[in-house]
Amino acid sequence: MAKKVILDQNKCIGCNTCPLLNPDVFEMDTSIYKAKVKAQPTEITPATQTAIDSCPVGAISIVEE
């Protein structure tokens, strides 16, 4: 099963932490000033996990597909 990164924009407060920690996976959506998944990673790297763990509102999660 593949793992997929999910970002709940309803919870996101736009703090920009995840794009700063992992710009390959996350970016800011400048139209709504909230983060979004830029590209699904092929694997959950330490940088991706750090970005997920650092979200102050828990808006990022990993699901199995």
Protein backbone atom coordinates (compact mmCIF):
# COMPACT_ATOMS: atom_id res chain seq x y z
CA MET A 1 0.00 0.00 0.00
CA ALA A 2 1.17 3.47 -0.85
CA LYS A 3 1.18 6.29 1.65
CA LYS A 4 -0.37 9.62 0.72
CA VAL A 5 0.10 13.00 2.40
CA ILE A 6 -3.15 14.82 3.13
CA LEU A 7 -3.35 18.48 4.17
CA ASP A 8 -6.65 19.70 5.62
CA GLN A 9 -6.89 23.32 4.48
CA ASN A 10 -9.83 23.89 6.84
CA LYS A 11 -7.44 23.35 9.76
CA CYS A 12 -4.42 25.10 8.18
CA ILE A 13 -3.58 28.49 9.66
CA GLY A 14 -1.08 29.44 6.94
CA CYS A 15 1.97 29.52 9.23
CA ASN A 16 4.25 28.45 6.33
CA THR A 17 6.10 25.86 8.46
CA CYS A 18 5.61 22.86 6.17
CA PRO A 19 6.81 24.61 2.96
CA LEU A 20 9.84 25.94 4.82
CA LEU A 21 10.74 22.48 6.13
CA ASN A 22 9.95 20.55 2.95
CA PRO A 23 9.47 22.72 -0.15
CA ASP A 24 9.53 19.69 -2.46
CA VAL A 25 6.23 18.43 -1.02
CA PHE A 26 4.45 21.52 0.34
CA GLU A 27 3.80 25.05 -0.91
CA MET A 28 1.65 28.00 0.02
CA ASP A 29 -1.51 28.60 -1.98
CA THR A 30 -1.22 32.37 -2.34
CA SER A 31 -4.87 32.76 -3.33
CA ILE A 32 -6.05 31.59 0.12
CA TYR A 33 -2.82 31.91 2.13
CA LYS A 34 -2.85 28.30 3.26
CA ALA A 35 -0.50 25.43 2.59
CA LYS A 36 -1.17 22.67 0.09
CA VAL A 37 0.51 19.49 -1.09
CA LYS A 38 2.63 20.51 -4.07
CA ALA A 39 3.67 16.97 -5.05
CA GLN A 40 3.01 13.61 -3.45
CA PRO A 41 6.27 12.11 -2.22
CA THR A 42 7.26 8.65 -3.42
CA GLU A 43 8.22 7.86 0.18
CA ILE A 44 7.83 9.55 3.54
CA THR A 45 11.28 11.04 4.10
CA PRO A 46 12.54 12.47 7.40
CA ALA A 47 11.97 15.98 6.00
CA THR A 48 8.35 15.15 5.18
CA GLN A 49 7.78 13.59 8.61
CA THR A 50 9.34 16.62 10.30
CA ALA A 51 7.02 18.94 8.40
CA ILE A 52 4.01 16.81 9.39
CA ASP A 53 5.08 16.67 13.04
CA SER A 54 5.78 20.42 13.11
CA CYS A 55 2.30 21.51 12.01
CA PRO A 56 0.99 23.47 15.01
CA VAL A 57 -2.64 22.58 14.31
CA GLY A 58 -2.24 18.98 13.09
CA ALA A 59 -3.55 19.74 9.61
CA ILE A 60 -1.25 17.22 7.87
CA SER A 61 -1.65 13.47 7.98
CA ILE A 62 -0.62 10.33 6.17
CA VAL A 63 -3.14 7.83 4.82
CA GLU A 64 -2.61 4.38 3.33
CA GLU A 65 -4.07 3.84 -0.12
